[in-house]
Amino acid sequence: MPDFTKQRVVIIAEQRLIVDTVRSALRHMGIARSHLFATPKDGLSYLHANPNDLLLIDDALGDVSPLEFVAKLRIDKQIVSRFVPVILISSCGRPKTIMRAIKAGVDEVLVKPLSEKTINDRVERTILFPRECIRVPSGYIGPDRRRSVKEFMNRDDRRSQNKAQTVERWQKA
């Protein structure tokens, strides 16, 4: 298992069960530096000044939409961690919900109920294989949603006329 002891993680969640499950999974991976915020406003204030390696956000945040939060995070140039990989913890796993999350700039979606194993697997994959952040003419800013070249094999790769520009390669500070 890779060494995750230096990873910095932000968790934005109100529900105690979600917080306890996520923190337990992170501790099991060796991640001790996690910062918990009950409101997106507090989390955003923290992200303005502090670099982080991962953000986990629950979709049950009262009146605040986590997808709007992620979209604001990606757009705001004043945020130090604006391209931090984001994992959305969602109570709904319908394809339409997942597509909306991806369009908002979320890197991964975890569907409730959560287990330590699913959290560990998704966090590990997100940290070890981060997606490049891009900006496209339609206004989207976030992780590259396209498949890797390997997935195309001998099929047509429509990316030969690439109009997306790389905003930043996510690198650990």
N, C-alpha and C. Protein backbone atom coordinates (compact mmCIF):
# COMPACT_ATOMS: atom_id res chain seq x y z
N MET A 1 0.85 -1.19 0.00
CA MET A 1 0.00 0.00 0.00
C MET A 1 0.89 1.24 0.00
N PRO A 2 0.57 2.22 -0.83
CA PRO A 2 1.35 3.46 -0.89
C PRO A 2 1.30 4.24 0.42
N ASP A 3 2.25 5.13 0.58
CA ASP A 3 2.32 5.96 1.78
C ASP A 3 1.47 7.22 1.59
N PHE A 4 0.39 7.31 2.35
CA PHE A 4 -0.52 8.45 2.27
C PHE A 4 -0.40 9.37 3.48
N THR A 5 0.61 9.19 4.30
CA THR A 5 0.70 9.94 5.56
C THR A 5 0.81 11.44 5.38
N LYS A 6 1.29 11.90 4.26
CA LYS A 6 1.45 13.35 4.06
C LYS A 6 0.28 13.99 3.32
N GLN A 7 -0.74 13.21 3.02
CA GLN A 7 -1.90 13.74 2.30
C GLN A 7 -2.72 14.65 3.21
N ARG A 8 -3.22 15.74 2.62
CA ARG A 8 -4.08 16.68 3.32
C ARG A 8 -5.47 16.60 2.72
N VAL A 9 -6.45 16.30 3.55
CA VAL A 9 -7.80 16.05 3.07
C VAL A 9 -8.79 16.97 3.78
N VAL A 10 -9.71 17.53 3.01
CA VAL A 10 -10.81 18.33 3.55
C VAL A 10 -12.09 17.52 3.40
N ILE A 11 -12.87 17.48 4.48
CA ILE A 11 -14.17 16.80 4.47
C ILE A 11 -15.23 17.84 4.77
N ILE A 12 -16.23 17.93 3.90
CA ILE A 12 -17.36 18.83 4.16
C ILE A 12 -18.60 17.96 4.26
N ALA A 13 -19.09 17.82 5.49
CA ALA A 13 -20.25 16.97 5.75
C ALA A 13 -20.88 17.35 7.07
N GLU A 14 -22.21 17.20 7.15
CA GLU A 14 -22.93 17.50 8.38
C GLU A 14 -23.25 16.23 9.17
N GLN A 15 -23.53 15.15 8.47
CA GLN A 15 -23.99 13.93 9.13
C GLN A 15 -22.85 13.22 9.86
N ARG A 16 -23.04 12.97 11.13
CA ARG A 16 -22.01 12.36 11.98
C ARG A 16 -21.58 10.99 11.44
N LEU A 17 -22.52 10.18 10.97
CA LEU A 17 -22.18 8.85 10.47
C LEU A 17 -21.24 8.93 9.27
N ILE A 18 -21.50 9.86 8.37
CA ILE A 18 -20.64 10.04 7.19
C ILE A 18 -19.25 10.47 7.63
N VAL A 19 -19.20 11.46 8.53
CA VAL A 19 -17.91 11.96 9.02
C VAL A 19 -17.12 10.84 9.67
N ASP A 20 -17.75 10.08 10.55
CA ASP A 20 -17.05 9.00 11.25
C ASP A 20 -16.55 7.92 10.30
N THR A 21 -17.37 7.55 9.32
CA THR A 21 -16.99 6.52 8.36
C THR A 21 -15.82 6.98 7.50
N VAL A 22 -15.90 8.20 7.00
CA VAL A 22 -14.83 8.73 6.14
C VAL A 22 -13.53 8.88 6.93
N ARG A 23 -13.61 9.45 8.12
CA ARG A 23 -12.39 9.63 8.93
C ARG A 23 -11.77 8.29 9.30
N SER A 24 -12.57 7.32 9.62
CA SER A 24 -12.06 5.99 9.96
C SER A 24 -11.33 5.38 8.75
N ALA A 25 -11.93 5.50 7.58
CA ALA A 25 -11.31 4.97 6.36
C ALA A 25 -9.99 5.68 6.08
N LEU A 26 -9.97 7.00 6.25
CA LEU A 26 -8.75 7.76 6.00
C LEU A 26 -7.65 7.37 6.99
N ARG A 27 -8.01 7.22 8.26
CA ARG A 27 -7.02 6.80 9.26
C ARG A 27 -6.46 5.42 8.93
N HIS A 28 -7.32 4.54 8.44
CA HIS A 28 -6.89 3.18 8.05
C HIS A 28 -5.86 3.24 6.93
N MET A 29 -5.96 4.26 6.08
CA MET A 29 -5.02 4.44 4.97
C MET A 29 -3.75 5.15 5.43
N GLY A 30 -3.75 5.67 6.65
CA GLY A 30 -2.60 6.41 7.15
C GLY A 30 -2.73 7.91 7.01
N ILE A 31 -3.91 8.38 6.59
CA ILE A 31 -4.14 9.81 6.42
C ILE A 31 -4.64 10.37 7.75
N ALA A 32 -3.79 11.13 8.41
CA ALA A 32 -4.14 11.69 9.71
C ALA A 32 -4.53 13.16 9.60
N ARG A 33 -4.10 13.81 8.52
CA ARG A 33 -4.36 15.24 8.37
C ARG A 33 -5.64 15.47 7.57
N SER A 34 -6.76 15.42 8.28
CA SER A 34 -8.04 15.72 7.65
C SER A 34 -8.69 16.86 8.42
N HIS A 35 -9.29 17.76 7.67
CA HIS A 35 -9.95 18.92 8.26
C HIS A 35 -11.44 18.82 7.95
N LEU A 36 -12.25 18.90 9.00
CA LEU A 36 -13.69 18.73 8.87
C LEU A 36 -14.40 20.07 8.94
N PHE A 37 -15.36 20.26 8.03
CA PHE A 37 -16.19 21.45 8.03
C PHE A 37 -17.64 21.03 7.85
N ALA A 38 -18.52 21.62 8.64
CA ALA A 38 -19.94 21.27 8.58
C ALA A 38 -20.67 22.07 7.51
N THR A 39 -20.07 23.17 7.07
CA THR A 39 -20.72 23.99 6.04
C THR A 39 -19.76 24.24 4.88
N PRO A 40 -20.28 24.31 3.68
CA PRO A 40 -19.44 24.63 2.52
C PRO A 40 -18.77 26.00 2.66
N LYS A 41 -19.43 26.95 3.29
CA LYS A 41 -18.85 28.29 3.46
C LYS A 41 -17.55 28.21 4.26
N ASP A 42 -17.56 27.45 5.36
CA ASP A 42 -16.35 27.29 6.17
C ASP A 42 -15.28 26.54 5.39
N GLY A 43 -15.68 25.51 4.66
CA GLY A 43 -14.73 24.75 3.86
C GLY A 43 -14.09 25.60 2.78
N LEU A 44 -14.89 26.44 2.14
CA LEU A 44 -14.38 27.32 1.09
C LEU A 44 -13.39 28.34 1.65
N SER A 45 -13.69 28.87 2.82
CA SER A 45 -12.77 29.81 3.47
C SER A 45 -11.42 29.15 3.73
N TYR A 46 -11.46 27.91 4.19
CA TYR A 46 -10.23 27.18 4.46
C TYR A 46 -9.45 26.92 3.16
N LEU A 47 -10.15 26.53 2.11
CA LEU A 47 -9.51 26.22 0.83
C LEU A 47 -8.91 27.45 0.16
N HIS A 48 -9.40 28.63 0.51
CA HIS A 48 -8.85 29.87 -0.05
C HIS A 48 -7.37 30.02 0.27
N ALA A 49 -6.97 29.56 1.45
CA ALA A 49 -5.60 29.83 1.90
C ALA A 49 -4.75 28.59 2.12
N ASN A 50 -5.32 27.41 2.03
CA ASN A 50 -4.59 26.20 2.39
C ASN A 50 -4.58 25.18 1.26
N PRO A 51 -3.40 24.76 0.82
CA PRO A 51 -3.33 23.72 -0.21
C PRO A 51 -3.78 22.38 0.37
N ASN A 52 -4.47 21.61 -0.45
CA ASN A 52 -4.95 20.29 -0.03
C ASN A 52 -4.80 19.30 -1.17
N ASP A 53 -4.84 18.03 -0.82
CA ASP A 53 -4.66 16.97 -1.80
C ASP A 53 -5.97 16.33 -2.23
N LEU A 54 -7.03 16.51 -1.42
CA LEU A 54 -8.29 15.86 -1.73
C LEU A 54 -9.41 16.54 -0.97
N LEU A 55 -10.60 16.60 -1.60
CA LEU A 55 -11.79 17.14 -0.97
C LEU A 55 -12.89 16.10 -1.10
N LEU A 56 -13.50 15.75 0.03
CA LEU A 56 -14.68 14.89 0.04
C LEU A 56 -15.85 15.74 0.51
N ILE A 57 -16.93 15.75 -0.27
CA ILE A 57 -18.09 16.58 0.08
C ILE A 57 -19.36 15.74 -0.01
N ASP A 58 -20.16 15.83 1.04
CA ASP A 58 -21.43 15.10 1.11
C ASP A 58 -22.51 15.90 0.40
N ASP A 59 -23.48 15.21 -0.19
CA ASP A 59 -24.55 15.92 -0.88
C ASP A 59 -25.68 16.34 0.06
N ALA A 60 -25.63 15.92 1.32
CA ALA A 60 -26.65 16.29 2.30
C ALA A 60 -26.14 17.46 3.14
N LEU A 61 -26.22 18.66 2.57
CA LEU A 61 -25.69 19.85 3.24
C LEU A 61 -26.76 20.91 3.45
N GLY A 62 -27.95 20.50 3.76
CA GLY A 62 -29.02 21.47 3.99
C GLY A 62 -29.41 22.17 2.70
N ASP A 63 -29.37 23.50 2.73
CA ASP A 63 -29.82 24.30 1.59
C ASP A 63 -28.76 24.51 0.52
N VAL A 64 -27.53 24.06 0.77
CA VAL A 64 -26.44 24.32 -0.15
C VAL A 64 -26.24 23.14 -1.10
N SER A 65 -26.16 23.43 -2.38
CA SER A 65 -25.90 22.39 -3.38
C SER A 65 -24.40 22.12 -3.46
N PRO A 66 -23.98 20.88 -3.25
CA PRO A 66 -22.56 20.59 -3.37
C PRO A 66 -22.05 20.78 -4.80
N LEU A 67 -22.92 20.63 -5.79
CA LEU A 67 -22.50 20.82 -7.17
C LEU A 67 -22.24 22.30 -7.47
N GLU A 68 -23.06 23.19 -6.91
CA GLU A 68 -22.79 24.62 -7.05
C GLU A 68 -21.49 24.97 -6.34
N PHE A 69 -21.26 24.35 -5.19
CA PHE A 69 -20.03 24.59 -4.44
C PHE A 69 -18.81 24.21 -5.28
N VAL A 70 -18.85 23.04 -5.90
CA VAL A 70 -17.72 22.57 -6.71
C VAL A 70 -17.52 23.48 -7.92
N ALA A 71 -18.59 23.89 -8.57
CA ALA A 71 -18.48 24.80 -9.71
C ALA A 71 -17.83 26.12 -9.29
N LYS A 72 -18.23 26.66 -8.14
CA LYS A 72 -17.63 27.91 -7.63
C LYS A 72 -16.16 27.68 -7.29
N LEU A 73 -15.86 26.55 -6.70
CA LEU A 73 -14.48 26.20 -6.34
C LEU A 73 -13.59 26.23 -7.58
N ARG A 74 -14.04 25.63 -8.65
CA ARG A 74 -13.24 25.54 -9.88
C ARG A 74 -13.04 26.90 -10.55
N ILE A 75 -14.00 27.78 -10.44
CA ILE A 75 -13.95 29.06 -11.13
C ILE A 75 -13.14 30.12 -10.38
N ASP A 76 -13.19 30.10 -9.06
CA ASP A 76 -12.58 31.16 -8.23
C ASP A 76 -11.06 31.08 -8.25
N LYS A 77 -10.42 32.03 -8.91
CA LYS A 77 -8.96 32.03 -9.05
C LYS A 77 -8.24 32.39 -7.76
N GLN A 78 -8.96 32.87 -6.76
CA GLN A 78 -8.36 33.22 -5.48
C GLN A 78 -8.16 32.00 -4.58
N ILE A 79 -8.74 30.88 -4.92
CA ILE A 79 -8.65 29.68 -4.08
C ILE A 79 -7.37 28.93 -4.40
N VAL A 80 -6.56 28.71 -3.38
CA VAL A 80 -5.28 28.01 -3.53
C VAL A 80 -5.52 26.59 -4.05
N SER A 81 -6.54 25.93 -3.54
CA SER A 81 -6.80 24.53 -3.89
C SER A 81 -7.94 24.39 -4.89
N ARG A 82 -8.03 25.27 -5.85
CA ARG A 82 -9.20 25.23 -6.74
C ARG A 82 -9.25 24.01 -7.65
N PHE A 83 -8.11 23.38 -7.90
CA PHE A 83 -8.10 22.19 -8.74
C PHE A 83 -7.89 20.91 -7.95
N VAL A 84 -8.16 20.97 -6.66
CA VAL A 84 -8.04 19.79 -5.81
C VAL A 84 -9.02 18.72 -6.32
N PRO A 85 -8.61 17.45 -6.35
CA PRO A 85 -9.56 16.40 -6.73
C PRO A 85 -10.73 16.35 -5.74
N VAL A 86 -11.94 16.21 -6.28
CA VAL A 86 -13.16 16.22 -5.46
C VAL A 86 -13.89 14.89 -5.59
N ILE A 87 -14.23 14.31 -4.45
CA ILE A 87 -15.08 13.13 -4.41
C ILE A 87 -16.40 13.54 -3.78
N LEU A 88 -17.49 13.36 -4.53
CA LEU A 88 -18.83 13.65 -4.03
C LEU A 88 -19.40 12.39 -3.39
N ILE A 89 -19.90 12.53 -2.17
CA ILE A 89 -20.58 11.43 -1.49
C ILE A 89 -22.07 11.67 -1.70
N SER A 90 -22.70 10.80 -2.49
CA SER A 90 -24.06 11.04 -2.92
C SER A 90 -25.03 9.97 -2.42
N SER A 91 -26.24 10.42 -2.12
CA SER A 91 -27.28 9.48 -1.71
C SER A 91 -28.01 8.91 -2.93
N CYS A 92 -27.70 9.42 -4.11
CA CYS A 92 -28.38 8.99 -5.33
C CYS A 92 -27.35 8.56 -6.37
N GLY A 93 -27.49 7.34 -6.85
CA GLY A 93 -26.54 6.82 -7.83
C GLY A 93 -27.09 6.75 -9.24
N ARG A 94 -28.17 7.48 -9.50
CA ARG A 94 -28.74 7.47 -10.85
C ARG A 94 -27.76 8.09 -11.83
N PRO A 95 -27.70 7.57 -13.04
CA PRO A 95 -26.77 8.12 -14.04
C PRO A 95 -26.92 9.62 -14.26
N LYS A 96 -28.16 10.12 -14.24
CA LYS A 96 -28.39 11.55 -14.43
C LYS A 96 -27.71 12.36 -13.32
N THR A 97 -27.80 11.89 -12.09
CA THR A 97 -27.17 12.58 -10.96
C THR A 97 -25.66 12.56 -11.09
N ILE A 98 -25.12 11.43 -11.47
CA ILE A 98 -23.67 11.30 -11.62
C ILE A 98 -23.17 12.19 -12.76
N MET A 99 -23.91 12.27 -13.86
CA MET A 99 -23.52 13.13 -14.98
C MET A 99 -23.53 14.61 -14.58
N ARG A 100 -24.52 15.02 -13.78
CA ARG A 100 -24.55 16.40 -13.30
C ARG A 100 -23.34 16.69 -12.43
N ALA A 101 -22.95 15.73 -11.60
CA ALA A 101 -21.77 15.90 -10.74
C ALA A 101 -20.51 16.05 -11.59
N ILE A 102 -20.38 15.23 -12.60
CA ILE A 102 -19.21 15.29 -13.47
C ILE A 102 -19.17 16.64 -14.21
N LYS A 103 -20.33 17.10 -14.68
CA LYS A 103 -20.39 18.39 -15.38
C LYS A 103 -20.06 19.57 -14.46
N ALA A 104 -20.28 19.39 -13.15
CA ALA A 104 -19.97 20.45 -12.19
C ALA A 104 -18.48 20.50 -11.87
N GLY A 105 -17.75 19.43 -12.21
CA GLY A 105 -16.32 19.42 -11.94
C GLY A 105 -15.87 18.43 -10.88
N VAL A 106 -16.74 17.50 -10.54
CA VAL A 106 -16.41 16.46 -9.56
C VAL A 106 -15.54 15.40 -10.24
N ASP A 107 -14.53 14.91 -9.53
CA ASP A 107 -13.65 13.88 -10.09
C ASP A 107 -14.26 12.48 -9.96
N GLU A 108 -14.83 12.18 -8.80
CA GLU A 108 -15.37 10.86 -8.52
C GLU A 108 -16.65 11.00 -7.72
N VAL A 109 -17.51 9.97 -7.79
CA VAL A 109 -18.74 9.93 -7.00
C VAL A 109 -18.77 8.63 -6.21
N LEU A 110 -19.02 8.76 -4.91
CA LEU A 110 -19.22 7.61 -4.04
C LEU A 110 -20.70 7.59 -3.68
N VAL A 111 -21.36 6.46 -3.88
CA VAL A 111 -22.79 6.38 -3.60
C VAL A 111 -22.99 5.69 -2.25
N LYS A 112 -23.85 6.30 -1.43
CA LYS A 112 -24.19 5.74 -0.13
C LYS A 112 -25.02 4.48 -0.32
N PRO A 113 -24.95 3.53 0.56
CA PRO A 113 -24.21 3.49 1.82
C PRO A 113 -22.72 3.27 1.56
N LEU A 114 -21.91 3.85 2.42
CA LEU A 114 -20.46 3.79 2.29
C LEU A 114 -19.89 2.67 3.13
N SER A 115 -18.79 2.13 2.64
CA SER A 115 -18.00 1.21 3.44
C SER A 115 -16.56 1.71 3.42
N GLU A 116 -15.79 1.30 4.40
CA GLU A 116 -14.38 1.72 4.43
C GLU A 116 -13.66 1.28 3.17
N LYS A 117 -13.97 0.09 2.68
CA LYS A 117 -13.29 -0.42 1.49
C LYS A 117 -13.58 0.45 0.27
N THR A 118 -14.83 0.82 0.05
CA THR A 118 -15.15 1.64 -1.12
C THR A 118 -14.51 3.02 -0.99
N ILE A 119 -14.49 3.56 0.21
CA ILE A 119 -13.84 4.87 0.42
C ILE A 119 -12.35 4.75 0.14
N ASN A 120 -11.72 3.72 0.73
CA ASN A 120 -10.28 3.53 0.53
C ASN A 120 -9.93 3.36 -0.94
N ASP A 121 -10.69 2.54 -1.65
CA ASP A 121 -10.42 2.30 -3.07
C ASP A 121 -10.52 3.59 -3.89
N ARG A 122 -11.58 4.36 -3.65
CA ARG A 122 -11.80 5.58 -4.44
C ARG A 122 -10.79 6.66 -4.09
N VAL A 123 -10.47 6.80 -2.80
CA VAL A 123 -9.48 7.80 -2.39
C VAL A 123 -8.11 7.44 -2.95
N GLU A 124 -7.75 6.17 -2.86
CA GLU A 124 -6.45 5.73 -3.38
C GLU A 124 -6.35 6.00 -4.88
N ARG A 125 -7.38 5.62 -5.62
CA ARG A 125 -7.35 5.82 -7.07
C ARG A 125 -7.31 7.31 -7.43
N THR A 126 -8.04 8.12 -6.69
CA THR A 126 -8.08 9.55 -6.97
C THR A 126 -6.74 10.22 -6.69
N ILE A 127 -6.08 9.81 -5.62
CA ILE A 127 -4.79 10.41 -5.27
C ILE A 127 -3.68 9.89 -6.19
N LEU A 128 -3.68 8.60 -6.46
CA LEU A 128 -2.60 8.02 -7.27
C LEU A 128 -2.72 8.34 -8.76
N PHE A 129 -3.93 8.52 -9.24
CA PHE A 129 -4.15 8.78 -10.67
C PHE A 129 -5.01 10.03 -10.87
N PRO A 130 -4.49 11.19 -10.50
CA PRO A 130 -5.29 12.42 -10.64
C PRO A 130 -5.52 12.77 -12.10
N ARG A 131 -6.66 13.35 -12.36
CA ARG A 131 -6.98 13.80 -13.71
C ARG A 131 -6.45 15.20 -13.93
N GLU A 132 -6.05 15.45 -15.15
CA GLU A 132 -5.59 16.78 -15.53
C GLU A 132 -6.79 17.73 -15.54
N CYS A 133 -6.61 18.95 -15.06
CA CYS A 133 -7.69 19.94 -15.10
C CYS A 133 -7.63 20.69 -16.42
N ILE A 134 -8.81 20.90 -17.00
CA ILE A 134 -8.90 21.55 -18.29
C ILE A 134 -9.95 22.66 -18.27
N ARG A 135 -9.89 23.50 -19.29
CA ARG A 135 -10.91 24.52 -19.54
C ARG A 135 -11.33 24.33 -20.99
N VAL A 136 -12.64 24.26 -21.22
CA VAL A 136 -13.13 24.10 -22.59
C VAL A 136 -13.96 25.32 -22.98
N PRO A 137 -14.11 25.55 -24.28
CA PRO A 137 -14.85 26.74 -24.75
C PRO A 137 -16.28 26.84 -24.20
N SER A 138 -16.90 25.73 -23.86
CA SER A 138 -18.27 25.78 -23.34
C SER A 138 -18.34 26.36 -21.93
N GLY A 139 -17.17 26.54 -21.28
CA GLY A 139 -17.15 27.12 -19.95
C GLY A 139 -16.78 26.14 -18.85
N TYR A 140 -16.74 24.88 -19.17
CA TYR A 140 -16.39 23.87 -18.16
C TYR A 140 -14.94 24.04 -17.72
N ILE A 141 -14.72 24.02 -16.40
CA ILE A 141 -13.38 23.99 -15.82
C ILE A 141 -13.38 22.87 -14.80
N GLY A 142 -12.48 21.93 -14.96
CA GLY A 142 -12.41 20.82 -14.01
C GLY A 142 -11.60 19.68 -14.57
N PRO A 143 -11.76 18.50 -13.96
CA PRO A 143 -10.97 17.35 -14.41
C PRO A 143 -11.35 16.92 -15.82
N ASP A 144 -10.36 16.47 -16.56
CA ASP A 144 -10.59 15.99 -17.92
C ASP A 144 -11.52 14.79 -17.85
N ARG A 145 -12.66 14.89 -18.50
CA ARG A 145 -13.68 13.84 -18.43
C ARG A 145 -13.52 12.79 -19.52
N ARG A 146 -12.56 13.01 -20.39
CA ARG A 146 -12.42 12.10 -21.53
C ARG A 146 -11.67 10.84 -21.14
N ARG A 147 -11.90 9.81 -21.91
CA ARG A 147 -11.21 8.54 -21.69
C ARG A 147 -9.76 8.63 -22.12
N SER A 148 -8.97 7.77 -21.54
CA SER A 148 -7.55 7.76 -21.92
C SER A 148 -7.39 7.18 -23.32
N VAL A 149 -6.26 7.44 -23.93
CA VAL A 149 -5.99 6.95 -25.28
C VAL A 149 -6.02 5.43 -25.30
N LYS A 150 -5.57 4.78 -24.23
CA LYS A 150 -5.55 3.31 -24.18
C LYS A 150 -6.94 2.72 -24.37
N GLU A 151 -7.96 3.42 -23.89
CA GLU A 151 -9.32 2.89 -23.98
C GLU A 151 -9.83 2.87 -25.41
N PHE A 152 -9.23 3.67 -26.30
CA PHE A 152 -9.69 3.72 -27.67
C PHE A 152 -9.14 2.57 -28.51
N MET A 153 -7.97 2.10 -28.15
CA MET A 153 -7.30 1.03 -28.89
C MET A 153 -7.30 1.36 -30.38
N ASN A 154 -8.01 0.59 -31.19
CA ASN A 154 -8.00 0.78 -32.64
C ASN A 154 -9.22 1.54 -33.15
N ARG A 155 -10.00 2.11 -32.22
CA ARG A 155 -11.19 2.84 -32.63
C ARG A 155 -10.87 4.31 -32.91
N ASP A 156 -11.81 5.00 -33.47
CA ASP A 156 -11.66 6.41 -33.79
C ASP A 156 -11.52 7.25 -32.52
N ASP A 157 -10.51 8.07 -32.46
CA ASP A 157 -10.28 8.98 -31.33
C ASP A 157 -10.68 10.37 -31.79
N ARG A 158 -11.84 10.85 -31.33
CA ARG A 158 -12.36 12.15 -31.77
C ARG A 158 -11.59 13.32 -31.17
N ARG A 159 -10.59 13.04 -30.34
CA ARG A 159 -9.86 14.13 -29.70
C ARG A 159 -8.75 14.68 -30.58
N SER A 160 -8.64 14.24 -31.80
CA SER A 160 -7.56 14.72 -32.66
C SER A 160 -7.69 16.23 -32.90
N GLN A 161 -8.89 16.76 -32.77
CA GLN A 161 -9.10 18.20 -32.89
C GLN A 161 -9.40 18.75 -31.50
N ASN A 162 -8.43 18.66 -30.63
CA ASN A 162 -8.59 19.02 -29.23
C ASN A 162 -8.75 20.52 -29.05
N LYS A 163 -9.90 20.94 -28.53
CA LYS A 163 -10.15 22.36 -28.30
C LYS A 163 -10.00 22.71 -26.83
N ALA A 164 -9.79 21.72 -25.99
CA ALA A 164 -9.61 21.97 -24.55
C ALA A 164 -8.18 22.40 -24.29
N GLN A 165 -8.03 23.31 -23.36
CA GLN A 165 -6.68 23.68 -22.99
C GLN A 165 -6.46 23.29 -21.53
N THR A 166 -5.28 22.83 -21.25
CA THR A 166 -4.95 22.42 -19.90
C THR A 166 -4.86 23.66 -19.04
N VAL A 167 -5.58 23.65 -17.92
CA VAL A 167 -5.55 24.77 -17.00
C VAL A 167 -4.37 24.60 -16.06
N GLU A 168 -4.27 23.43 -15.49
CA GLU A 168 -3.20 23.16 -14.55
C GLU A 168 -3.11 21.67 -14.34
N ARG A 169 -1.91 21.18 -14.25
CA ARG A 169 -1.73 19.80 -13.86
C ARG A 169 -1.72 19.80 -12.34
N TRP A 170 -2.58 18.97 -11.75
CA TRP A 170 -2.65 18.95 -10.29
C TRP A 170 -1.38 18.34 -9.75
N GLN A 171 -0.64 19.13 -9.00
CA GLN A 171 0.60 18.65 -8.40
C GLN A 171 0.53 18.94 -6.92
N LYS A 172 1.04 18.02 -6.17
CA LYS A 172 1.04 18.19 -4.72
C LYS A 172 1.98 19.32 -4.35
N ALA A 173 1.51 20.17 -3.47
CA ALA A 173 2.33 21.31 -3.02
C ALA A 173 3.33 20.87 -1.97
